[in-house]
Amino acid sequence: MDRTLESLQLVIAQVLPHRDPALVFKDLNVVAMLQEFWESKQKQKAIFPSEGIIVYESLSNLGPPFVSYVTLPGGSCFGNFQSCLSRAEARRDAAKVALINSLFNELPCRRITKEFIVESVREAVSSTSGNLKDADDPSTSIGTYHYMLESNIGKTMLEFQELMIVFQLLHWNGSLKALRETKCSRQEVISYYSQYSLDEKMRSHMALDWITKEQESPGIISQELQVALRELEEVRKAGHELRFYKEKKEILSLALSQIYSDQAATSSWDDQVSLALHGY
């Protein structure tokens, strides 16, 4: 733990040289510090390909506890994990979680190297009761993971995660299974989707897929949305990165909005979502 703290302080000294590393996490203006950190990375041209700005989002709760999300350039998303009595407090807490993760991402151990790949593959094999020989077989899950890591040597884990989130959603959405049925190889699928980032167009396509699923199995979107909301809450309270779960919620909500677009104008969107979540 002491070595990790020393490493983080070294990163702070390099990226934010005018800040006192010993006091950085005690600074109440953590929102400004997070902004300053990513502006500094932008000046160093060390920012993500899908360059963007830091975006904050607060849920429209009428009262506490309040929830706030912060999305970083590249798409990684974090939220406040403490129970906050004000929106400002929730925003500061979310910014603190995002800043800590941003700093961790700068550590050498968070960059994909040959050594990192060997260790990651071993952990994957251990967690799946697989075989190390599978790492050289691109037709297996372990082999695919190994191939993707090898294709992203030099990137940080947050950068790698930006790519992985697309494939996580394609797997959840059923698109990867459909592609396998067309005899596409895993390398072909990876090469194709590695060129794309998650944007409104991709979300819209996934939402249309769920509308088709809803026509075949009425009620499936509301069921999936309930699961996504529950997962998002659990992951946020644990202080983990939550983009996958938040994207699922956004895609399913978009599908619902399109399904109910022909509803009477007097029926509000909140009423429609509430009805859908209760099995309307």
Protein backbone atom coordinates (compact mmCIF):
# COMPACT_ATOMS: atom_id res chain seq x y z
CA MET A 1 0.00 0.00 0.00
CA ASP A 2 2.86 2.38 0.86
CA ARG A 3 4.50 1.70 -2.51
CA THR A 4 1.22 2.36 -4.31
CA LEU A 5 0.81 5.67 -2.47
CA GLU A 6 4.37 6.66 -3.34
CA SER A 7 3.72 5.79 -6.99
CA LEU A 8 0.54 7.88 -7.03
CA GLN A 9 2.38 10.81 -5.46
CA LEU A 10 5.04 10.52 -8.18
CA VAL A 11 2.33 10.64 -10.87
CA ILE A 12 0.81 13.72 -9.23
CA ALA A 13 4.22 15.41 -9.14
CA GLN A 14 4.65 14.74 -12.88
CA VAL A 15 1.16 15.66 -14.10
CA LEU A 16 0.29 18.34 -11.53
CA PRO A 17 3.72 19.66 -10.46
CA HIS A 18 2.34 22.68 -8.55
CA ARG A 19 0.18 20.48 -6.30
CA ASP A 20 1.35 19.03 -2.97
CA PRO A 21 1.02 15.23 -3.45
CA ALA A 22 0.49 14.73 0.28
CA LEU A 23 -2.56 17.01 0.26
CA VAL A 24 -4.07 16.24 -3.14
CA PHE A 25 -6.88 13.97 -1.88
CA LYS A 26 -7.70 16.34 0.98
CA ASP A 27 -8.38 19.22 -1.40
CA LEU A 28 -12.11 19.99 -1.37
CA ASN A 29 -11.94 21.35 -4.91
CA VAL A 30 -11.45 17.88 -6.35
CA VAL A 31 -13.72 18.73 -9.32
CA ALA A 32 -11.26 21.39 -10.46
CA MET A 33 -8.34 19.03 -9.88
CA LEU A 34 -9.89 16.33 -12.08
CA GLN A 35 -10.45 18.89 -14.83
CA GLU A 36 -6.88 20.11 -14.48
CA PHE A 37 -5.53 16.56 -14.67
CA TRP A 38 -7.24 15.79 -18.00
CA GLU A 39 -6.41 19.20 -19.46
CA SER A 40 -2.77 18.47 -18.64
CA LYS A 41 -2.99 15.10 -20.41
CA GLN A 42 -4.54 16.80 -23.43
CA LYS A 43 -1.62 19.20 -23.61
CA GLN A 44 0.75 16.23 -23.45
CA LYS A 45 -1.18 14.64 -26.37
CA ALA A 46 -1.68 11.61 -24.13
CA ILE A 47 -5.45 11.64 -24.33
CA PHE A 48 -7.77 8.95 -25.66
CA PRO A 49 -8.53 8.63 -29.38
CA SER A 50 -12.19 9.45 -28.69
CA GLU A 51 -11.09 12.78 -27.24
CA GLY A 52 -13.74 14.61 -25.29
CA ILE A 53 -14.56 16.53 -22.16
CA ILE A 54 -15.46 15.55 -18.62
CA VAL A 55 -19.23 15.26 -18.30
CA TYR A 56 -21.19 15.26 -15.04
CA GLU A 57 -24.70 13.90 -14.70
CA SER A 58 -26.94 14.06 -11.65
CA LEU A 59 -30.04 11.94 -11.17
CA SER A 60 -33.22 13.95 -10.65
CA ASN A 61 -33.83 12.81 -7.09
CA LEU A 62 -36.26 14.99 -5.13
CA GLY A 63 -34.30 14.37 -1.95
CA PRO A 64 -31.22 12.62 -0.56
CA PRO A 65 -29.35 10.44 -1.05
CA PHE A 66 -28.22 12.09 -4.29
CA VAL A 67 -26.40 10.33 -7.12
CA SER A 68 -23.88 11.83 -9.52
CA TYR A 69 -21.93 10.30 -12.42
CA VAL A 70 -18.78 11.59 -14.09
CA THR A 71 -17.71 10.40 -17.54
CA LEU A 72 -14.06 10.89 -18.50
CA PRO A 73 -12.54 11.41 -21.96
CA GLY A 74 -12.55 7.95 -23.48
CA GLY A 75 -15.85 7.02 -21.85
CA SER A 76 -14.89 5.57 -18.46
CA CYS A 77 -17.62 6.37 -15.97
CA PHE A 78 -17.60 6.62 -12.18
CA GLY A 79 -20.14 7.60 -9.55
CA ASN A 80 -20.29 8.62 -5.92
CA PHE A 81 -20.23 5.59 -3.63
CA GLN A 82 -21.03 7.44 -0.42
CA SER A 83 -24.52 8.45 0.68
CA CYS A 84 -24.60 12.16 -0.16
CA LEU A 85 -27.01 14.75 1.27
CA SER A 86 -26.58 17.27 -1.59
CA ARG A 87 -25.97 17.21 -5.33
CA ALA A 88 -22.73 19.16 -4.84
CA GLU A 89 -21.46 16.59 -2.35
CA ALA A 90 -22.36 13.73 -4.72
CA ARG A 91 -20.53 15.48 -7.57
CA ARG A 92 -17.40 15.95 -5.43
CA ASP A 93 -17.48 12.32 -4.33
CA ALA A 94 -17.83 11.10 -7.92
CA ALA A 95 -14.96 13.37 -9.00
CA LYS A 96 -12.78 11.98 -6.22
CA VAL A 97 -13.41 8.38 -7.35
CA ALA A 98 -12.66 9.37 -10.95
CA LEU A 99 -9.47 11.22 -9.98
CA ILE A 100 -8.11 8.29 -7.99
CA ASN A 101 -8.80 5.92 -10.90
CA SER A 102 -7.27 8.39 -13.38
CA LEU A 103 -4.10 8.53 -11.30
CA PHE A 104 -3.97 4.76 -10.90
CA ASN A 105 -4.22 4.47 -14.68
CA GLU A 106 -0.92 6.36 -14.99
CA LEU A 107 1.02 3.75 -12.99
CA PRO A 108 3.38 1.51 -15.00
CA CYS A 109 1.53 -1.59 -13.76
CA ARG A 110 -1.62 -0.37 -15.54
CA ARG A 111 0.00 -0.33 -18.98
CA ILE A 112 -0.26 -3.39 -21.22
CA THR A 113 3.14 -5.03 -21.60
CA LYS A 114 4.31 -8.55 -22.44
CA GLU A 115 4.66 -9.28 -18.73
CA PHE A 116 1.21 -7.86 -18.04
CA ILE A 117 -0.30 -10.07 -20.76
CA VAL A 118 1.30 -13.24 -19.38
CA GLU A 119 -0.03 -12.51 -15.89
CA SER A 120 -3.48 -11.49 -17.13
CA VAL A 121 -3.85 -14.66 -19.24
CA ARG A 122 -2.81 -16.81 -16.29
CA GLU A 123 -5.42 -15.12 -14.10
CA ALA A 124 -8.06 -15.59 -16.80
CA VAL A 125 -7.22 -19.27 -17.13
CA SER A 126 -7.37 -19.71 -13.36
CA SER A 127 -10.74 -17.97 -13.05
CA THR A 128 -12.31 -19.99 -15.87
CA SER A 129 -10.71 -23.38 -15.18
CA GLY A 130 -9.32 -23.22 -18.70
CA ASN A 131 -6.01 -24.28 -20.16
CA LEU A 132 -2.94 -22.17 -20.94
CA LYS A 133 -2.78 -23.82 -24.35
CA ASP A 134 -6.07 -22.07 -25.16
CA ALA A 135 -4.18 -18.76 -25.23
CA ASP A 136 -2.73 -19.70 -28.62
CA ASP A 137 -6.11 -20.77 -30.01
CA PRO A 138 -8.05 -17.72 -31.29
CA SER A 139 -11.25 -19.78 -31.47
CA THR A 140 -11.41 -19.95 -27.64
CA SER A 141 -12.42 -17.20 -25.21
CA ILE A 142 -8.97 -17.19 -23.60
CA GLY A 143 -7.35 -17.06 -27.03
CA THR A 144 -9.54 -14.11 -28.02
CA TYR A 145 -8.64 -12.26 -24.80
CA HIS A 146 -4.95 -12.96 -25.46
CA TYR A 147 -5.28 -11.72 -29.04
CA MET A 148 -6.95 -8.48 -27.94
CA LEU A 149 -4.29 -7.80 -25.32
CA GLU A 150 -1.53 -8.44 -27.84
CA SER A 151 -3.25 -6.03 -30.25
CA ASN A 152 -3.22 -3.27 -27.64
CA ILE A 153 0.32 -3.42 -26.23
CA GLY A 154 1.37 -0.02 -24.94
CA LYS A 155 -2.12 1.16 -24.04
CA THR A 156 -3.34 1.78 -20.51
CA MET A 157 -6.10 -0.28 -18.96
CA LEU A 158 -8.65 2.53 -19.28
CA GLU A 159 -7.84 2.77 -22.99
CA PHE A 160 -8.17 -1.00 -23.35
CA GLN A 161 -11.42 -0.87 -21.42
CA GLU A 162 -12.84 1.60 -23.94
CA LEU A 163 -12.42 -1.08 -26.61
CA MET A 164 -13.63 -3.91 -24.40
CA ILE A 165 -16.88 -2.14 -23.51
CA VAL A 166 -17.99 -2.39 -27.14
CA PHE A 167 -17.51 -6.16 -27.15
CA GLN A 168 -19.15 -6.54 -23.73
CA LEU A 169 -22.25 -4.79 -25.06
CA LEU A 170 -22.22 -6.77 -28.31
CA HIS A 171 -22.07 -9.98 -26.26
CA TRP A 172 -24.90 -8.81 -23.97
CA ASN A 173 -26.91 -7.68 -26.98
CA GLY A 174 -26.57 -11.01 -28.76
CA SER A 175 -24.75 -9.51 -31.74
CA LEU A 176 -21.58 -11.57 -31.27
CA LYS A 177 -23.60 -14.79 -31.32
CA ALA A 178 -25.31 -13.68 -34.54
CA LEU A 179 -21.92 -12.90 -36.12
CA ARG A 180 -20.59 -16.32 -35.16
CA GLU A 181 -23.54 -17.90 -36.93
CA THR A 182 -22.49 -16.11 -40.12
CA LYS A 183 -19.12 -17.90 -39.88
CA CYS A 184 -17.18 -14.72 -39.14
CA SER A 185 -13.94 -15.47 -37.29
CA ARG A 186 -13.29 -13.81 -33.95
CA GLN A 187 -10.31 -11.96 -35.42
CA GLU A 188 -12.51 -10.56 -38.19
CA VAL A 189 -15.09 -9.38 -35.66
CA ILE A 190 -12.42 -7.84 -33.44
CA SER A 191 -10.71 -6.11 -36.37
CA TYR A 192 -14.04 -4.72 -37.59
CA TYR A 193 -15.36 -3.36 -34.29
CA SER A 194 -11.96 -2.14 -33.09
CA GLN A 195 -12.36 0.66 -35.64
CA TYR A 196 -15.50 1.95 -33.97
CA SER A 197 -16.15 3.72 -30.70
CA LEU A 198 -19.40 3.57 -28.80
CA ASP A 199 -21.52 6.47 -30.08
CA GLU A 200 -25.16 7.40 -30.59
CA LYS A 201 -25.33 5.49 -33.86
CA MET A 202 -24.19 2.24 -32.24
CA ARG A 203 -26.53 2.77 -29.29
CA SER A 204 -29.42 3.31 -31.69
CA HIS A 205 -28.64 0.06 -33.52
CA MET A 206 -28.56 -1.84 -30.24
CA ALA A 207 -31.82 -0.22 -29.14
CA LEU A 208 -33.43 -1.40 -32.39
CA ASP A 209 -32.21 -4.92 -31.65
CA TRP A 210 -33.97 -4.78 -28.28
CA ILE A 211 -37.16 -3.49 -29.89
CA THR A 212 -37.08 -6.59 -32.11
CA LYS A 213 -36.55 -8.77 -29.02
CA GLU A 214 -39.52 -7.04 -27.35
CA GLN A 215 -41.75 -7.89 -30.30
CA GLU A 216 -40.72 -11.54 -29.98
CA SER A 217 -40.84 -11.64 -26.14
CA PRO A 218 -43.07 -8.88 -24.70
CA GLY A 219 -41.74 -7.53 -21.41
CA ILE A 220 -38.09 -8.46 -21.99
CA ILE A 221 -36.90 -4.83 -22.11
CA SER A 222 -38.48 -3.96 -18.75
CA GLN A 223 -36.93 -7.09 -17.22
CA GLU A 224 -33.48 -6.23 -18.59
CA LEU A 225 -33.85 -2.62 -17.46
CA GLN A 226 -34.64 -3.72 -13.91
CA VAL A 227 -31.49 -5.87 -13.91
CA ALA A 228 -29.38 -3.04 -15.38
CA LEU A 229 -30.60 -0.52 -12.79
CA ARG A 230 -29.90 -2.94 -9.94
CA GLU A 231 -26.41 -3.74 -11.26
CA LEU A 232 -25.63 -0.05 -11.79
CA GLU A 233 -26.58 0.73 -8.20
CA GLU A 234 -24.48 -2.12 -6.79
CA VAL A 235 -21.41 -1.29 -8.87
CA ARG A 236 -21.64 2.42 -8.06
CA LYS A 237 -21.82 1.78 -4.31
CA ALA A 238 -18.77 -0.50 -4.63
CA GLY A 239 -16.80 2.38 -6.19
CA HIS A 240 -16.06 0.50 -9.43
CA GLU A 241 -16.03 1.64 -13.05
CA LEU A 242 -19.63 1.42 -14.25
CA ARG A 243 -19.84 2.34 -17.91
CA PHE A 244 -21.00 -1.12 -19.05
CA TYR A 245 -23.98 -1.04 -16.69
CA LYS A 246 -24.80 2.60 -17.44
CA GLU A 247 -24.66 1.96 -21.20
CA LYS A 248 -27.06 -0.97 -20.80
CA LYS A 249 -29.48 1.32 -18.98
CA GLU A 250 -29.15 4.01 -21.67
CA ILE A 251 -29.69 1.57 -24.55
CA LEU A 252 -32.73 -0.04 -22.93
CA SER A 253 -34.19 3.35 -22.03
CA LEU A 254 -33.71 4.48 -25.62
CA ALA A 255 -35.54 1.36 -26.83
CA LEU A 256 -38.42 2.11 -24.47
CA SER A 257 -38.59 5.74 -25.60
CA GLN A 258 -38.94 4.59 -29.20
CA ILE A 259 -41.57 1.99 -28.31
CA TYR A 260 -43.66 4.55 -26.45
CA SER A 261 -43.11 7.43 -28.88
CA ASP A 262 -46.65 7.01 -30.20
CA GLN A 263 -48.23 7.17 -26.76
CA ALA A 264 -50.60 10.02 -25.92
CA ALA A 265 -48.86 13.31 -25.22
CA THR A 266 -50.49 13.42 -21.80
CA SER A 267 -48.54 10.35 -20.70
CA SER A 268 -45.14 11.54 -19.49
CA TRP A 269 -41.88 9.69 -20.19
CA ASP A 270 -41.42 9.06 -16.46
CA ASP A 271 -44.87 7.47 -16.31
CA GLN A 272 -44.03 5.27 -19.29
CA VAL A 273 -40.76 4.02 -17.75
CA SER A 274 -42.53 3.43 -14.45
CA LEU A 275 -45.19 1.37 -16.21
CA ALA A 276 -42.60 -0.59 -18.16
CA LEU A 277 -40.63 -1.42 -15.00
CA HIS A 278 -43.79 -2.76 -13.43
CA GLY A 279 -44.51 -5.06 -16.36
CA TYR A 280 -46.74 -2.80 -18.47
